[in-house]
Amino acid sequence: HTMNVNWRMKNFIDRYSYLMHRPRFFNQRFMVLITSGSYRGVKEAMKALVLMGSGGKVIHFYIIFMFLLFITKSKRLIEYFLIKKYYQSYPITYAKYE
C-alpha cells in the first residue's frame, strides 16, 4: 500500500464496508483528510476513502503533507483551518418556538 491507504485504514475499510449500504450514514456529511509524505498516491487514497462516504455528501477534501506538520506555526494554521472549515459546513438552524 505504498501509493494507497496504509494497512490500518485498509483493514478499517474492509471491516466497515457493510455500512456503505446502511441508512445510518445517508444524508450525512463527510470530510476526507489525507496526510502524506509526498504527492504520490494521494489521488488513489482519496478515491478509496470517498467510497466510505457513499450515501452521504463529501463536503471537503484536505491533503496535508507531513513536512508541514514539523513547523509549529504551520501546524497551528492547519488545525485552525480544518476546524473552521468543518464547522462552516454545517448550516445554522434555529429551533422554532411556538
N, C-alpha and C. Protein backbone atom coordinates (compact mmCIF):
# COMPACT_ATOMS: atom_id res chain seq x y z
N HIS A 1 0.82 -1.20 0.00
CA HIS A 1 0.00 0.00 0.00
C HIS A 1 0.86 1.25 0.00
N THR A 2 1.95 1.22 -0.71
CA THR A 2 2.84 2.36 -0.73
C THR A 2 2.18 3.58 -1.36
N MET A 3 1.41 3.38 -2.40
CA MET A 3 0.76 4.50 -3.08
C MET A 3 -0.73 4.58 -2.79
N ASN A 4 -1.16 3.99 -1.70
CA ASN A 4 -2.59 3.99 -1.37
C ASN A 4 -2.71 4.11 0.15
N VAL A 5 -3.85 3.74 0.68
CA VAL A 5 -4.05 3.83 2.13
C VAL A 5 -3.19 2.78 2.83
N ASN A 6 -2.83 3.04 4.08
CA ASN A 6 -1.99 2.10 4.81
C ASN A 6 -2.81 0.90 5.28
N TRP A 7 -2.17 -0.07 5.90
CA TRP A 7 -2.84 -1.32 6.24
C TRP A 7 -3.92 -1.13 7.29
N ARG A 8 -3.73 -0.19 8.19
CA ARG A 8 -4.77 0.02 9.21
C ARG A 8 -6.04 0.60 8.60
N MET A 9 -5.87 1.56 7.69
CA MET A 9 -7.04 2.13 7.03
C MET A 9 -7.68 1.11 6.11
N LYS A 10 -6.89 0.31 5.43
CA LYS A 10 -7.42 -0.75 4.57
C LYS A 10 -8.23 -1.74 5.40
N ASN A 11 -7.74 -2.11 6.57
CA ASN A 11 -8.45 -3.01 7.46
C ASN A 11 -9.76 -2.39 7.92
N PHE A 12 -9.74 -1.10 8.25
CA PHE A 12 -10.95 -0.38 8.65
C PHE A 12 -11.98 -0.38 7.52
N ILE A 13 -11.53 -0.08 6.30
CA ILE A 13 -12.43 -0.06 5.15
C ILE A 13 -13.03 -1.44 4.91
N ASP A 14 -12.22 -2.49 5.00
CA ASP A 14 -12.72 -3.84 4.78
C ASP A 14 -13.74 -4.25 5.84
N ARG A 15 -13.48 -3.92 7.08
CA ARG A 15 -14.38 -4.34 8.17
C ARG A 15 -15.67 -3.55 8.23
N TYR A 16 -15.63 -2.29 7.82
CA TYR A 16 -16.82 -1.45 7.92
C TYR A 16 -17.45 -1.12 6.57
N SER A 17 -17.10 -1.86 5.54
CA SER A 17 -17.68 -1.58 4.22
C SER A 17 -19.17 -1.89 4.16
N TYR A 18 -19.66 -2.73 5.06
CA TYR A 18 -21.09 -3.01 5.08
C TYR A 18 -21.90 -1.76 5.42
N LEU A 19 -21.30 -0.81 6.08
CA LEU A 19 -22.02 0.41 6.46
C LEU A 19 -22.36 1.28 5.25
N MET A 20 -21.68 1.05 4.12
CA MET A 20 -21.97 1.84 2.93
C MET A 20 -23.38 1.62 2.43
N HIS A 21 -23.95 0.48 2.74
CA HIS A 21 -25.28 0.14 2.23
C HIS A 21 -26.34 0.27 3.31
N ARG A 22 -26.02 0.87 4.41
CA ARG A 22 -26.97 1.06 5.51
C ARG A 22 -27.42 2.52 5.55
N PRO A 23 -28.63 2.74 6.00
CA PRO A 23 -29.13 4.12 6.05
C PRO A 23 -28.52 4.97 7.16
N ARG A 24 -27.62 4.40 7.94
CA ARG A 24 -27.02 5.13 9.06
C ARG A 24 -26.29 6.40 8.60
N PHE A 25 -25.61 6.32 7.47
CA PHE A 25 -24.83 7.46 7.00
C PHE A 25 -25.46 8.19 5.83
N PHE A 26 -26.69 7.86 5.48
CA PHE A 26 -27.35 8.58 4.40
C PHE A 26 -27.60 10.01 4.84
N ASN A 27 -27.41 10.95 3.94
CA ASN A 27 -27.60 12.38 4.19
C ASN A 27 -26.68 12.93 5.27
N GLN A 28 -25.56 12.29 5.52
CA GLN A 28 -24.57 12.79 6.47
C GLN A 28 -23.46 13.48 5.69
N ARG A 29 -22.70 14.29 6.37
CA ARG A 29 -21.58 14.99 5.73
C ARG A 29 -20.27 14.33 6.13
N PHE A 30 -19.35 14.28 5.17
CA PHE A 30 -18.05 13.66 5.39
C PHE A 30 -16.95 14.63 5.01
N MET A 31 -15.87 14.58 5.74
CA MET A 31 -14.69 15.36 5.43
C MET A 31 -13.54 14.37 5.25
N VAL A 32 -12.90 14.39 4.10
CA VAL A 32 -11.81 13.47 3.80
C VAL A 32 -10.50 14.19 4.11
N LEU A 33 -9.70 13.59 4.99
CA LEU A 33 -8.42 14.16 5.39
C LEU A 33 -7.33 13.14 5.08
N ILE A 34 -6.35 13.56 4.28
CA ILE A 34 -5.26 12.68 3.88
C ILE A 34 -3.95 13.34 4.29
N THR A 35 -3.12 12.60 5.02
CA THR A 35 -1.77 13.07 5.32
C THR A 35 -0.79 12.22 4.52
N SER A 36 0.19 12.87 3.95
CA SER A 36 1.10 12.15 3.08
C SER A 36 2.50 12.75 3.18
N GLY A 37 3.48 11.92 2.91
CA GLY A 37 4.85 12.39 2.88
C GLY A 37 5.21 13.01 1.55
N SER A 38 4.50 12.63 0.49
CA SER A 38 4.73 13.20 -0.83
C SER A 38 3.40 13.20 -1.58
N TYR A 39 3.44 13.75 -2.77
CA TYR A 39 2.22 13.86 -3.56
C TYR A 39 1.80 12.55 -4.21
N ARG A 40 2.71 11.58 -4.28
CA ARG A 40 2.42 10.33 -4.98
C ARG A 40 1.46 9.47 -4.17
N GLY A 41 0.44 8.99 -4.80
CA GLY A 41 -0.52 8.11 -4.15
C GLY A 41 -1.69 8.81 -3.50
N VAL A 42 -1.68 10.13 -3.49
CA VAL A 42 -2.75 10.87 -2.83
C VAL A 42 -4.08 10.67 -3.56
N LYS A 43 -4.05 10.70 -4.88
CA LYS A 43 -5.28 10.55 -5.66
C LYS A 43 -5.91 9.18 -5.44
N GLU A 44 -5.10 8.13 -5.39
CA GLU A 44 -5.63 6.78 -5.18
C GLU A 44 -6.21 6.64 -3.77
N ALA A 45 -5.53 7.21 -2.80
CA ALA A 45 -6.04 7.17 -1.43
C ALA A 45 -7.35 7.93 -1.31
N MET A 46 -7.46 9.04 -2.01
CA MET A 46 -8.68 9.83 -1.98
C MET A 46 -9.85 9.04 -2.57
N LYS A 47 -9.61 8.35 -3.67
CA LYS A 47 -10.67 7.54 -4.28
C LYS A 47 -11.14 6.44 -3.33
N ALA A 48 -10.21 5.81 -2.63
CA ALA A 48 -10.58 4.73 -1.70
C ALA A 48 -11.38 5.26 -0.52
N LEU A 49 -11.03 6.43 -0.02
CA LEU A 49 -11.72 6.97 1.15
C LEU A 49 -13.07 7.58 0.81
N VAL A 50 -13.23 8.09 -0.40
CA VAL A 50 -14.52 8.66 -0.80
C VAL A 50 -15.58 7.57 -0.87
N LEU A 51 -15.19 6.35 -1.20
CA LEU A 51 -16.16 5.25 -1.25
C LEU A 51 -16.79 4.99 0.11
N MET A 52 -16.05 5.24 1.19
CA MET A 52 -16.60 5.03 2.53
C MET A 52 -17.74 6.00 2.82
N GLY A 53 -17.75 7.12 2.16
CA GLY A 53 -18.80 8.11 2.40
C GLY A 53 -19.94 8.04 1.42
N SER A 54 -20.07 6.95 0.68
CA SER A 54 -21.16 6.87 -0.29
C SER A 54 -22.49 6.85 0.44
N GLY A 55 -23.46 7.50 -0.14
CA GLY A 55 -24.75 7.66 0.51
C GLY A 55 -24.83 8.98 1.24
N GLY A 56 -23.69 9.56 1.51
CA GLY A 56 -23.63 10.85 2.17
C GLY A 56 -23.07 11.89 1.23
N LYS A 57 -22.67 13.00 1.78
CA LYS A 57 -22.15 14.09 0.97
C LYS A 57 -20.74 14.42 1.46
N VAL A 58 -19.77 14.31 0.57
CA VAL A 58 -18.40 14.68 0.91
C VAL A 58 -18.29 16.19 0.75
N ILE A 59 -17.99 16.87 1.86
CA ILE A 59 -18.01 18.33 1.84
C ILE A 59 -16.64 18.94 1.56
N HIS A 60 -15.58 18.31 2.01
CA HIS A 60 -14.24 18.87 1.81
C HIS A 60 -13.22 17.75 1.62
N PHE A 61 -12.21 18.05 0.81
CA PHE A 61 -11.03 17.20 0.68
C PHE A 61 -9.85 18.00 1.21
N TYR A 62 -9.09 17.40 2.09
CA TYR A 62 -7.90 18.05 2.61
C TYR A 62 -6.71 17.13 2.42
N ILE A 63 -5.64 17.67 1.93
CA ILE A 63 -4.39 16.93 1.79
C ILE A 63 -3.32 17.72 2.55
N ILE A 64 -2.73 17.08 3.53
CA ILE A 64 -1.69 17.73 4.33
C ILE A 64 -0.40 16.94 4.15
N PHE A 65 0.63 17.61 3.71
CA PHE A 65 1.91 16.95 3.55
C PHE A 65 2.66 17.00 4.87
N MET A 66 3.29 15.89 5.23
CA MET A 66 3.87 15.72 6.55
C MET A 66 4.96 16.73 6.89
N PHE A 67 5.68 17.23 5.91
CA PHE A 67 6.75 18.17 6.23
C PHE A 67 6.19 19.47 6.81
N LEU A 68 4.93 19.78 6.53
CA LEU A 68 4.31 20.98 7.11
C LEU A 68 4.02 20.81 8.59
N LEU A 69 3.82 19.57 9.03
CA LEU A 69 3.48 19.33 10.42
C LEU A 69 4.65 19.52 11.37
N PHE A 70 5.87 19.56 10.84
CA PHE A 70 7.04 19.75 11.69
C PHE A 70 7.25 21.22 12.05
N ILE A 71 6.60 22.09 11.35
CA ILE A 71 6.70 23.52 11.63
C ILE A 71 5.53 23.88 12.53
N THR A 72 5.80 24.37 13.73
CA THR A 72 4.76 24.62 14.73
C THR A 72 3.72 25.62 14.24
N LYS A 73 4.16 26.68 13.61
CA LYS A 73 3.22 27.69 13.12
C LYS A 73 2.32 27.10 12.05
N SER A 74 2.89 26.32 11.16
CA SER A 74 2.11 25.67 10.12
C SER A 74 1.09 24.72 10.71
N LYS A 75 1.49 23.97 11.72
CA LYS A 75 0.59 23.00 12.35
C LYS A 75 -0.61 23.71 12.96
N ARG A 76 -0.36 24.81 13.63
CA ARG A 76 -1.47 25.57 14.23
C ARG A 76 -2.40 26.13 13.16
N LEU A 77 -1.84 26.63 12.07
CA LEU A 77 -2.67 27.15 10.99
C LEU A 77 -3.51 26.06 10.34
N ILE A 78 -2.93 24.88 10.15
CA ILE A 78 -3.66 23.77 9.57
C ILE A 78 -4.80 23.35 10.49
N GLU A 79 -4.52 23.22 11.79
CA GLU A 79 -5.57 22.85 12.74
C GLU A 79 -6.69 23.88 12.75
N TYR A 80 -6.33 25.15 12.76
CA TYR A 80 -7.33 26.22 12.75
C TYR A 80 -8.17 26.15 11.48
N PHE A 81 -7.53 25.97 10.33
CA PHE A 81 -8.23 25.92 9.06
C PHE A 81 -9.19 24.73 9.01
N LEU A 82 -8.74 23.56 9.46
CA LEU A 82 -9.60 22.37 9.43
C LEU A 82 -10.81 22.53 10.35
N ILE A 83 -10.58 23.03 11.54
CA ILE A 83 -11.70 23.23 12.47
C ILE A 83 -12.68 24.25 11.93
N LYS A 84 -12.18 25.33 11.38
CA LYS A 84 -13.04 26.38 10.83
C LYS A 84 -13.88 25.85 9.67
N LYS A 85 -13.26 25.14 8.74
CA LYS A 85 -13.99 24.60 7.60
C LYS A 85 -15.02 23.56 8.03
N TYR A 86 -14.68 22.75 9.02
CA TYR A 86 -15.61 21.73 9.49
C TYR A 86 -16.87 22.37 10.05
N TYR A 87 -16.73 23.36 10.89
CA TYR A 87 -17.90 23.99 11.49
C TYR A 87 -18.65 24.88 10.51
N GLN A 88 -17.98 25.41 9.50
CA GLN A 88 -18.66 26.20 8.49
C GLN A 88 -19.53 25.34 7.58
N SER A 89 -19.25 24.06 7.53
CA SER A 89 -20.00 23.19 6.63
C SER A 89 -21.40 22.88 7.15
N TYR A 90 -21.63 23.08 8.43
CA TYR A 90 -22.95 22.81 8.99
C TYR A 90 -23.78 24.08 8.95
N PRO A 91 -24.99 23.99 8.38
CA PRO A 91 -25.85 25.17 8.34
C PRO A 91 -26.37 25.51 9.74
N ILE A 92 -26.58 26.77 9.98
CA ILE A 92 -27.12 27.20 11.27
C ILE A 92 -28.62 27.01 11.23
N THR A 93 -29.12 26.25 12.16
CA THR A 93 -30.57 26.05 12.25
C THR A 93 -31.03 26.54 13.61
N TYR A 94 -32.14 27.19 13.61
CA TYR A 94 -32.70 27.70 14.85
C TYR A 94 -33.96 26.94 15.17
N ALA A 95 -34.15 26.64 16.43
CA ALA A 95 -35.36 25.93 16.85
C ALA A 95 -36.54 26.89 16.78
N LYS A 96 -37.65 26.39 16.30
CA LYS A 96 -38.85 27.21 16.21
C LYS A 96 -39.65 27.04 17.50
N TYR A 97 -39.90 28.15 18.12
CA TYR A 97 -40.70 28.12 19.34
C TYR A 97 -42.10 28.61 19.01
N GLU A 98 -43.07 27.85 19.41
CA GLU A 98 -44.46 28.25 19.14
C GLU A 98 -45.17 28.58 20.41
